[in-house]
PDB file of N, CA and C in Angstrom:
ATOM      1  N   UNK A   1      89.274 123.905 121.147  1.00  0.00           N
ATOM      2  CA  UNK A   1      89.403 123.574 119.929  1.00  0.00           C
ATOM      3  C   UNK A   1      88.542 122.458 119.148  1.00  0.00           C
ATOM      4  N   UNK A   2      87.723 122.986 118.281  1.00  0.00           N
ATOM      5  CA  UNK A   2      86.597 122.109 117.554  1.00  0.00           C
ATOM      6  C   UNK A   2      86.836 120.984 117.355  1.00  0.00           C
ATOM      7  N   UNK A   3      85.634 120.152 117.263  1.00  0.00           N
ATOM      8  CA  UNK A   3      85.697 118.538 116.601  1.00  0.00           C
ATOM      9  C   UNK A   3      86.663 117.995 115.036  1.00  0.00           C
ATOM     10  N   UNK A   4      86.218 118.885 114.407  1.00  0.00           N
ATOM     11  CA  UNK A   4      87.360 118.891 113.178  1.00  0.00           C
ATOM     12  C   UNK A   4      88.732 118.811 113.520  1.00  0.00           C
ATOM     13  N   UNK A   5      89.085 119.366 114.728  1.00  0.00           N
ATOM     14  CA  UNK A   5      90.665 119.730 114.631  1.00  0.00           C
ATOM     15  C   UNK A   5      90.952 118.478 115.164  1.00  0.00           C
ATOM     16  N   UNK A   6      90.626 118.127 116.429  1.00  0.00           N
ATOM     17  CA  UNK A   6      90.769 116.689 116.973  1.00  0.00           C
ATOM     18  C   UNK A   6      90.697 115.329 115.713  1.00  0.00           C
ATOM     19  N   UNK A   7      89.781 115.504 114.935  1.00  0.00           N
ATOM     20  CA  UNK A   7      89.365 114.330 113.903  1.00  0.00           C
ATOM     21  C   UNK A   7      90.461 114.423 113.037  1.00  0.00           C
ATOM     22  N   UNK A   8      91.195 115.914 112.698  1.00  0.00           N
ATOM     23  CA  UNK A   8      92.444 115.947 112.004  1.00  0.00           C
ATOM     24  C   UNK A   8      93.405 115.900 112.099  1.00  0.00           C
ATOM     25  N   UNK A   9      93.639 116.228 113.805  1.00  0.00           N
ATOM     26  CA  UNK A   9      94.914 114.888 114.193  1.00  0.00           C
ATOM     27  C   UNK A   9      95.057 113.880 114.665  1.00  0.00           C
ATOM     28  N   UNK A  10      93.789 113.693 114.943  1.00  0.00           N
ATOM     29  CA  UNK A  10      93.619 112.137 114.923  1.00  0.00           C
ATOM     30  C   UNK A  10      93.930 111.202 113.220  1.00  0.00           C
ATOM     31  N   UNK A  11      93.631 111.895 112.659  1.00  0.00           N
ATOM     32  CA  UNK A  11      93.809 111.251 111.147  1.00  0.00           C
ATOM     33  C   UNK A  11      95.194 111.370 110.620  1.00  0.00           C
ATOM     34  N   UNK A  12      95.755 112.498 111.331  1.00  0.00           N
ATOM     35  CA  UNK A  12      97.222 112.687 110.956  1.00  0.00           C
ATOM     36  C   UNK A  12      97.820 111.740 111.714  1.00  0.00           C
ATOM     37  N   UNK A  13      97.833 111.493 113.054  1.00  0.00           N
ATOM     38  CA  UNK A  13      98.670 110.301 113.545  1.00  0.00           C
ATOM     39  C   UNK A  13      98.498 109.273 113.025  1.00  0.00           C
ATOM     40  N   UNK A  14      96.909 108.514 112.378  1.00  0.00           N
ATOM     41  CA  UNK A  14      97.116 107.452 112.555  1.00  0.00           C
ATOM     42  C   UNK A  14      97.620 107.081 111.255  1.00  0.00           C
ATOM     43  N   UNK A  15      98.002 107.770 109.804  1.00  0.00           N
ATOM     44  CA  UNK A  15      98.449 108.077 108.591  1.00  0.00           C
ATOM     45  C   UNK A  15     100.016 108.275 109.408  1.00  0.00           C
ATOM     46  N   UNK A  16     100.057 109.202 109.864  1.00  0.00           N
ATOM     47  CA  UNK A  16     102.086 108.888 110.193  1.00  0.00           C
ATOM     48  C   UNK A  16     101.886 107.046 110.464  1.00  0.00           C
ATOM     49  N   UNK A  17     101.407 106.529 111.879  1.00  0.00           N
ATOM     50  CA  UNK A  17     101.806 105.467 112.431  1.00  0.00           C
ATOM     51  C   UNK A  17     101.387 104.236 111.195  1.00  0.00           C
ATOM     52  N   UNK A  18     100.906 104.446 110.237  1.00  0.00           N
ATOM     53  CA  UNK A  18     100.988 103.555 109.120  1.00  0.00           C
ATOM     54  C   UNK A  18     102.025 103.825 108.601  1.00  0.00           C
ATOM     55  N   UNK A  19     102.524 104.766 107.717  1.00  0.00           N
ATOM     56  CA  UNK A  19     103.685 104.816 107.050  1.00  0.00           C
ATOM     57  C   UNK A  19     104.816 104.000 108.117  1.00  0.00           C
ATOM     58  N   UNK A  20     104.692 104.561 108.985  1.00  0.00           N
ATOM     59  CA  UNK A  20     106.194 103.971 110.137  1.00  0.00           C
ATOM     60  C   UNK A  20     106.221 102.328 109.899  1.00  0.00           C
ATOM     61  N   UNK A  21     104.881 102.267 110.658  1.00  0.00           N
ATOM     62  CA  UNK A  21     104.392 100.527 109.836  1.00  0.00           C
ATOM     63  C   UNK A  21     104.951  99.910 108.909  1.00  0.00           C
ATOM     64  N   UNK A  22     104.713 100.613 107.344  1.00  0.00           N
ATOM     65  CA  UNK A  22     104.505 100.088 106.101  1.00  0.00           C
ATOM     66  C   UNK A  22     106.442  99.953 106.114  1.00  0.00           C
ATOM     67  N   UNK A  23     106.698 101.661 106.483  1.00  0.00           N
ATOM     68  CA  UNK A  23     108.053 101.389 105.953  1.00  0.00           C
ATOM     69  C   UNK A  23     109.200 100.427 107.017  1.00  0.00           C
ATOM     70  N   UNK A  24     108.512 100.297 108.253  1.00  0.00           N
ATOM     71  CA  UNK A  24     109.688  98.808 109.075  1.00  0.00           C
ATOM     72  C   UNK A  24     109.256  97.311 108.251  1.00  0.00           C
ATOM     73  N   UNK A  25     108.074  97.331 107.940  1.00  0.00           N
ATOM     74  CA  UNK A  25     107.840  96.199 106.989  1.00  0.00           C
ATOM     75  C   UNK A  25     108.248  95.953 105.722  1.00  0.00           C
ATOM     76  N   UNK A  26     108.573  97.084 105.178  1.00  0.00           N
ATOM     77  CA  UNK A  26     109.532  96.717 104.013  1.00  0.00           C
ATOM     78  C   UNK A  26     111.039  96.688 104.538  1.00  0.00           C
ATOM     79  N   UNK A  27     111.315  97.479 105.568  1.00  0.00           N
ATOM     80  CA  UNK A  27     112.829  97.606 105.684  1.00  0.00           C
ATOM     81  C   UNK A  27     113.296  95.855 106.023  1.00  0.00           C
ATOM     82  N   UNK A  28     111.947  95.546 107.006  1.00  0.00           N
ATOM     83  CA  UNK A  28     112.638  94.028 107.150  1.00  0.00           C
ATOM     84  C   UNK A  28     112.593  93.166 106.143  1.00  0.00           C
ATOM     85  N   UNK A  29     111.308  93.361 105.132  1.00  0.00           N
ATOM     86  CA  UNK A  29     111.832  92.222 104.164  1.00  0.00           C
ATOM     87  C   UNK A  29     112.776  92.081 103.249  1.00  0.00           C
ATOM     88  N   UNK A  30     113.290  93.920 102.996  1.00  0.00           N
ATOM     89  CA  UNK A  30     114.196  93.971 102.153  1.00  0.00           C
ATOM     90  C   UNK A  30     115.503  95.031 102.483  1.00  0.00           C
ATOM     91  N   UNK A  31     115.789  94.868 103.373  1.00  0.00           N
ATOM     92  CA  UNK A  31     116.323  95.381 103.948  1.00  0.00           C
ATOM     93  C   UNK A  31     118.003  95.065 104.192  1.00  0.00           C
ATOM     94  N   UNK A  32     118.142  93.335 103.978  1.00  0.00           N
ATOM     95  CA  UNK A  32     119.596  93.325 103.532  1.00  0.00           C
ATOM     96  C   UNK A  32     119.459  92.075 102.610  1.00  0.00           C
ATOM     97  N   UNK A  33     118.788  92.238 101.763  1.00  0.00           N
ATOM     98  CA  UNK A  33     118.485  90.668 100.662  1.00  0.00           C
ATOM     99  C   UNK A  33     119.764  91.005  99.841  1.00  0.00           C
ATOM    100  N   UNK A  34     120.099  92.299  99.368  1.00  0.00           N
ATOM    101  CA  UNK A  34     120.796  91.841  98.453  1.00  0.00           C
ATOM    102  C   UNK A  34     122.078  92.451  98.870  1.00  0.00           C
ATOM    103  N   UNK A  35     122.512  92.321 100.238  1.00  0.00           N
ATOM    104  CA  UNK A  35     124.467  92.715 100.388  1.00  0.00           C
ATOM    105  C   UNK A  35     125.156  91.683 100.170  1.00  0.00           C
ATOM    106  N   UNK A  36     125.925  91.906 100.067  1.00  0.00           N
ATOM    107  CA  UNK A  36     127.310  91.194 100.075  1.00  0.00           C
ATOM    108  C   UNK A  36     128.315  90.751 100.636  1.00  0.00           C
ATOM    109  N   UNK A  37     128.008  90.088 101.521  1.00  0.00           N
ATOM    110  CA  UNK A  37     129.886  90.739 102.940  1.00  0.00           C
ATOM    111  C   UNK A  37     131.027  90.183 102.022  1.00  0.00           C
ATOM    112  N   UNK A  38     131.767  91.301 102.408  1.00  0.00           N
ATOM    113  CA  UNK A  38     132.673  90.843 101.938  1.00  0.00           C
ATOM    114  C   UNK A  38     134.103  91.085 103.204  1.00  0.00           C
ATOM    115  N   UNK A  39     134.977  90.402 103.709  1.00  0.00           N
ATOM    116  CA  UNK A  39     136.017  90.772 104.492  1.00  0.00           C
ATOM    117  C   UNK A  39     136.878  91.721 103.887  1.00  0.00           C
ATOM    118  N   UNK A  40     137.918  92.192 104.487  1.00  0.00           N
ATOM    119  CA  UNK A  40     138.614  93.411 104.176  1.00  0.00           C
ATOM    120  C   UNK A  40     139.609  92.884 103.859  1.00  0.00           C
ATOM    121  N   UNK A  41     139.973  91.438 104.604  1.00  0.00           N
ATOM    122  CA  UNK A  41     141.128  90.614 104.747  1.00  0.00           C
ATOM    123  C   UNK A  41     140.813  90.307 103.071  1.00  0.00           C
ATOM    124  N   UNK A  42     141.576  90.580 101.866  1.00  0.00           N
ATOM    125  CA  UNK A  42     141.612  89.539 100.282  1.00  0.00           C
ATOM    126  C   UNK A  42     141.849  88.585 100.879  1.00  0.00           C
ATOM    127  N   UNK A  43     143.198  87.928 101.683  1.00  0.00           N
ATOM    128  CA  UNK A  43     143.475  86.308 102.025  1.00  0.00           C
ATOM    129  C   UNK A  43     142.701  85.653 102.756  1.00  0.00           C
ATOM    130  N   UNK A  44     140.842  86.198 102.949  1.00  0.00           N
ATOM    131  CA  UNK A  44     140.476  85.695 103.995  1.00  0.00           C
ATOM    132  C   UNK A  44     139.813  84.066 103.320  1.00  0.00           C
ATOM    133  N   UNK A  45     139.718  83.259 103.846  1.00  0.00           N
ATOM    134  CA  UNK A  45     139.697  82.013 103.502  1.00  0.00           C
ATOM    135  C   UNK A  45     137.778  81.676 103.307  1.00  0.00           C
ATOM    136  N   UNK A  46     136.912  82.346 103.686  1.00  0.00           N
ATOM    137  CA  UNK A  46     135.795  82.342 104.177  1.00  0.00           C
ATOM    138  C   UNK A  46     134.925  83.050 104.030  1.00  0.00           C
ATOM    139  N   UNK A  47     133.607  83.296 103.216  1.00  0.00           N
ATOM    140  CA  UNK A  47     132.980  84.930 102.460  1.00  0.00           C
ATOM    141  C   UNK A  47     131.444  84.335 102.354  1.00  0.00           C
ATOM    142  N   UNK A  48     130.606  85.216 102.792  1.00  0.00           N
ATOM    143  CA  UNK A  48     129.436  85.055 101.731  1.00  0.00           C
ATOM    144  C   UNK A  48     129.172  85.784 100.816  1.00  0.00           C
ATOM    145  N   UNK A  49     128.684  84.793 100.282  1.00  0.00           N
ATOM    146  CA  UNK A  49     128.539  84.618  98.831  1.00  0.00           C
ATOM    147  C   UNK A  49     127.017  85.903  98.162  1.00  0.00           C
ATOM    148  N   UNK A  50     126.221  85.088  98.599  1.00  0.00           N
ATOM    149  CA  UNK A  50     124.834  85.339  98.376  1.00  0.00           C
ATOM    150  C   UNK A  50     124.303  85.154  99.778  1.00  0.00           C
ATOM    151  N   UNK A  51     122.951  86.619  99.787  1.00  0.00           N
ATOM    152  CA  UNK A  51     122.185  85.906 101.140  1.00  0.00           C
ATOM    153  C   UNK A  51     120.484  86.371 100.383  1.00  0.00           C
ATOM    154  N   UNK A  52     119.904  85.294 100.284  1.00  0.00           N
ATOM    155  CA  UNK A  52     118.225  85.717  99.886  1.00  0.00           C
ATOM    156  C   UNK A  52     117.132  86.146 101.100  1.00  0.00           C
ATOM    157  N   UNK A  53     116.223  86.146 101.376  1.00  0.00           N
ATOM    158  CA  UNK A  53     115.295  86.074 101.874  1.00  0.00           C
ATOM    159  C   UNK A  53     114.415  85.181 101.270  1.00  0.00           C
ATOM    160  N   UNK A  54     113.911  84.215 101.875  1.00  0.00           N
ATOM    161  CA  UNK A  54     112.837  83.353 101.682  1.00  0.00           C
ATOM    162  C   UNK A  54     111.366  84.188 102.640  1.00  0.00           C
ATOM    163  N   UNK A  55     111.664  84.329 103.517  1.00  0.00           N
ATOM    164  CA  UNK A  55     110.234  84.738 104.088  1.00  0.00           C
ATOM    165  C   UNK A  55     111.074  85.984 105.304  1.00  0.00           C
ATOM    166  N   UNK A  56     109.978  86.500 106.476  1.00  0.00           N
ATOM    167  CA  UNK A  56     109.847  87.450 107.546  1.00  0.00           C
ATOM    168  C   UNK A  56     111.570  86.468 108.325  1.00  0.00           C
ATOM    169  N   UNK A  57     110.912  84.999 108.321  1.00  0.00           N
ATOM    170  CA  UNK A  57     112.184  84.420 109.287  1.00  0.00           C
ATOM    171  C   UNK A  57     112.861  83.545 109.006  1.00  0.00           C
ATOM    172  N   UNK A  58     113.348  82.838 107.459  1.00  0.00           N
ATOM    173  CA  UNK A  58     114.423  82.482 106.890  1.00  0.00           C
ATOM    174  C   UNK A  58     115.030  83.067 105.706  1.00  0.00           C
ATOM    175  N   UNK A  59     115.696  82.286 105.823  1.00  0.00           N
ATOM    176  CA  UNK A  59     116.794  83.088 104.703  1.00  0.00           C
ATOM    177  C   UNK A  59     117.863  82.047 104.459  1.00  0.00           C
ATOM    178  N   UNK A  60     118.333  81.980 103.100  1.00  0.00           N
ATOM    179  CA  UNK A  60     119.311  81.295 102.799  1.00  0.00           C
ATOM    180  C   UNK A  60     120.922  82.053 102.329  1.00  0.00           C
ATOM    181  N   UNK A  61     121.742  81.519 102.615  1.00  0.00           N
ATOM    182  CA  UNK A  61     123.264  81.905 102.372  1.00  0.00           C
ATOM    183  C   UNK A  61     124.166  80.840 102.090  1.00  0.00           C
ATOM    184  N   UNK A  62     124.159  81.616 100.904  1.00  0.00           N
ATOM    185  CA  UNK A  62     125.744  80.979 100.089  1.00  0.00           C
ATOM    186  C   UNK A  62     126.943  81.447 100.598  1.00  0.00           C
ATOM    187  N   UNK A  63     128.106  80.226 101.219  1.00  0.00           N
ATOM    188  CA  UNK A  63     128.992  80.313 101.839  1.00  0.00           C
ATOM    189  C   UNK A  63     130.153  79.974 100.806  1.00  0.00           C
ATOM    190  N   UNK A  64     131.251  80.665 101.460  1.00  0.00           N
ATOM    191  CA  UNK A  64     132.109  79.821 100.858  1.00  0.00           C
ATOM    192  C   UNK A  64     133.519  79.785 101.175  1.00  0.00           C
ATOM    193  N   UNK A  65     133.959  78.911 101.675  1.00  0.00           N
ATOM    194  CA  UNK A  65     135.016  78.508 102.298  1.00  0.00           C
ATOM    195  C   UNK A  65     136.503  77.505 101.430  1.00  0.00           C
ATOM    196  N   UNK A  66     137.327  78.116 101.573  1.00  0.00           N
ATOM    197  CA  UNK A  66     138.648  77.344 100.702  1.00  0.00           C
ATOM    198  C   UNK A  66     137.494  76.799  99.521  1.00  0.00           C
ATOM    199  N   UNK A  67     137.501  77.977  98.840  1.00  0.00           N
ATOM    200  CA  UNK A  67     136.900  76.995  96.918  1.00  0.00           C
ATOM    201  C   UNK A  67     135.865  75.971  96.851  1.00  0.00           C
ATOM    202  N   UNK A  68     135.065  76.328  98.597  1.00  0.00           N
ATOM    203  CA  UNK A  68     134.162  75.039  98.483  1.00  0.00           C
ATOM    204  C   UNK A  68     132.891  75.940  99.156  1.00  0.00           C
ATOM    205  N   UNK A  69     131.475  75.829  98.174  1.00  0.00           N
ATOM    206  CA  UNK A  69     130.714  76.694  98.461  1.00  0.00           C
ATOM    207  C   UNK A  69     129.594  75.828  99.507  1.00  0.00           C
ATOM    208  N   UNK A  70     128.803  76.265 100.304  1.00  0.00           N
ATOM    209  CA  UNK A  70     128.033  75.665 101.203  1.00  0.00           C
ATOM    210  C   UNK A  70     126.463  76.362 101.330  1.00  0.00           C
ATOM    211  N   UNK A  71     125.683  76.188 100.988  1.00  0.00           N
ATOM    212  CA  UNK A  71     123.983  76.442 101.138  1.00  0.00           C
ATOM    213  C   UNK A  71     123.005  76.592 102.429  1.00  0.00           C
ATOM    214  N   UNK A  72     123.191  77.405 103.372  1.00  0.00           N
ATOM    215  CA  UNK A  72     122.471  77.466 104.384  1.00  0.00           C
ATOM    216  C   UNK A  72     121.611  78.086 104.672  1.00  0.00           C
ATOM    217  N   UNK A  73     120.196  77.225 105.276  1.00  0.00           N
ATOM    218  CA  UNK A  73     119.142  78.125 105.468  1.00  0.00           C
ATOM    219  C   UNK A  73     119.251  78.409 107.083  1.00  0.00           C
ATOM    220  N   UNK A  74     119.047  79.458 107.207  1.00  0.00           N
ATOM    221  CA  UNK A  74     118.698  80.224 108.667  1.00  0.00           C
ATOM    222  C   UNK A  74     117.602  80.439 108.888  1.00  0.00           C
ATOM    223  N   UNK A  75     117.252  80.021 110.215  1.00  0.00           N
ATOM    224  CA  UNK A  75     115.622  80.451 110.907  1.00  0.00           C
ATOM    225  C   UNK A  75     116.309  80.925 112.468  1.00  0.00           C
ATOM    226  N   UNK A  76     114.677  80.778 112.428  1.00  0.00           N
ATOM    227  CA  UNK A  76     115.098  82.033 113.952  1.00  0.00           C
ATOM    228  C   UNK A  76     115.070  80.431 115.003  1.00  0.00           C
ATOM    229  N   UNK A  77     116.527  80.554 115.747  1.00  0.00           N
ATOM    230  CA  UNK A  77     117.367  79.966 116.502  1.00  0.00           C
ATOM    231  C   UNK A  77     117.303  77.906 115.953  1.00  0.00           C
ATOM    232  N   UNK A  78     117.409  78.133 114.440  1.00  0.00           N
ATOM    233  CA  UNK A  78     117.978  76.829 114.054  1.00  0.00           C
ATOM    234  C   UNK A  78     119.082  77.050 112.242  1.00  0.00           C
ATOM    235  N   UNK A  79     119.950  76.683 111.895  1.00  0.00           N
ATOM    236  CA  UNK A  79     120.157  76.442 110.735  1.00  0.00           C
ATOM    237  C   UNK A  79     120.684  75.063 110.327  1.00  0.00           C
ATOM    238  N   UNK A  80     120.301  75.204 108.965  1.00  0.00           N
ATOM    239  CA  UNK A  80     120.181  74.213 108.666  1.00  0.00           C
ATOM    240  C   UNK A  80     121.415  74.016 107.214  1.00  0.00           C
ATOM    241  N   UNK A  81     122.161  73.066 107.036  1.00  0.00           N
ATOM    242  CA  UNK A  81     123.068  72.977 106.037  1.00  0.00           C
ATOM    243  C   UNK A  81     122.263  72.364 104.275  1.00  0.00           C
ATOM    244  N   UNK A  82     121.644  72.799 103.422  1.00  0.00           N
ATOM    245  CA  UNK A  82     120.867  72.245 102.530  1.00  0.00           C
ATOM    246  C   UNK A  82     121.729  71.575 101.827  1.00  0.00           C
ATOM    247  N   UNK A  83     123.462  72.127 101.470  1.00  0.00           N
ATOM    248  CA  UNK A  83     123.784  71.626 100.421  1.00  0.00           C
ATOM    249  C   UNK A  83     125.320  71.626 100.834  1.00  0.00           C
ATOM    250  N   UNK A  84     126.353  71.019 101.102  1.00  0.00           N
ATOM    251  CA  UNK A  84     127.604  71.007 101.147  1.00  0.00           C
ATOM    252  C   UNK A  84     128.381  70.472 100.026  1.00  0.00           C
ATOM    253  N   UNK A  85     129.984  71.452 100.245  1.00  0.00           N
ATOM    254  CA  UNK A  85     131.006  70.682  99.049  1.00  0.00           C
ATOM    255  C   UNK A  85     130.338  70.703  97.612  1.00  0.00           C
ATOM    256  N   UNK A  86     129.694  72.050  97.746  1.00  0.00           N
ATOM    257  CA  UNK A  86     129.418  72.662  96.014  1.00  0.00           C
ATOM    258  C   UNK A  86     130.741  73.160  95.464  1.00  0.00           C
ATOM    259  N   UNK A  87     131.327  72.494  94.355  1.00  0.00           N
ATOM    260  CA  UNK A  87     132.593  73.116  93.430  1.00  0.00           C
ATOM    261  C   UNK A  87     132.212  74.663  93.263  1.00  0.00           C
ATOM    262  N   UNK A  88     132.826  75.682  93.876  1.00  0.00           N
ATOM    263  CA  UNK A  88     133.065  77.005  92.735  1.00  0.00           C
ATOM    264  C   UNK A  88     132.389  76.806  91.840  1.00  0.00           C
ATOM    265  N   UNK A  89     133.244  75.990  90.623  1.00  0.00           N
ATOM    266  CA  UNK A  89     132.457  76.016  88.837  1.00  0.00           C
ATOM    267  C   UNK A  89     131.349  75.516  88.789  1.00  0.00           C
ATOM    268  N   UNK A  90     130.638  75.222  89.631  1.00  0.00           N
ATOM    269  CA  UNK A  90     129.647  74.235  89.048  1.00  0.00           C
ATOM    270  C   UNK A  90     128.296  75.482  89.146  1.00  0.00           C
ATOM    271  N   UNK A  91     128.504  75.980  88.163  1.00  0.00           N
ATOM    272  CA  UNK A  91     127.233  76.862  88.200  1.00  0.00           C
ATOM    273  C   UNK A  91     126.208  76.415  87.241  1.00  0.00           C
ATOM    274  N   UNK A  92     124.635  76.762  87.258  1.00  0.00           N
ATOM    275  CA  UNK A  92     123.915  76.286  86.140  1.00  0.00           C
ATOM    276  C   UNK A  92     123.971  77.167  85.175  1.00  0.00           C
ATOM    277  N   UNK A  93     123.641  76.209  83.836  1.00  0.00           N
ATOM    278  CA  UNK A  93     124.174  76.876  82.781  1.00  0.00           C
ATOM    279  C   UNK A  93     125.749  76.405  82.466  1.00  0.00           C
ATOM    280  N   UNK A  94     126.596  75.683  83.262  1.00  0.00           N
ATOM    281  CA  UNK A  94     128.054  75.827  82.882  1.00  0.00           C
ATOM    282  C   UNK A  94     127.387  74.358  81.490  1.00  0.00           C
ATOM    283  N   UNK A  95     129.198  74.422  80.775  1.00  0.00           N
ATOM    284  CA  UNK A  95     128.452  73.859  79.915  1.00  0.00           C
ATOM    285  C   UNK A  95     129.910  72.500  80.357  1.00  0.00           C
ATOM    286  N   UNK A  96     129.304  71.275  80.343  1.00  0.00           N
ATOM    287  CA  UNK A  96     130.287  70.537  80.675  1.00  0.00           C
ATOM    288  C   UNK A  96     130.537  68.735  79.959  1.00  0.00           C
ATOM    289  N   UNK A  97     131.829  69.401  78.975  1.00  0.00           N
ATOM    290  CA  UNK A  97     132.462  68.460  78.218  1.00  0.00           C
ATOM    291  C   UNK A  97     131.831  66.699  78.283  1.00  0.00           C
TER     292      UNK A  97
END
């Protein structure tokens, strides 16, 4: 093999590794960002309404239990309740009399 063949192989190898790294970073960042989790049982008392990634290590999760919502911050190894007892009808932009 000539030197040109080795360099073409090395460049192709680096390019493929770069594509794999880019794809894995994108999947980690945006993979589950728009998933809505629903239980198969329609009479479920517990639902995850929405989940949003803040960064690679933290995400906000809006959980509904018995018509009350709770906003949770999930990080590596810890969970924090940001806001609790949010009434389901309490949405920004609702008209209040």
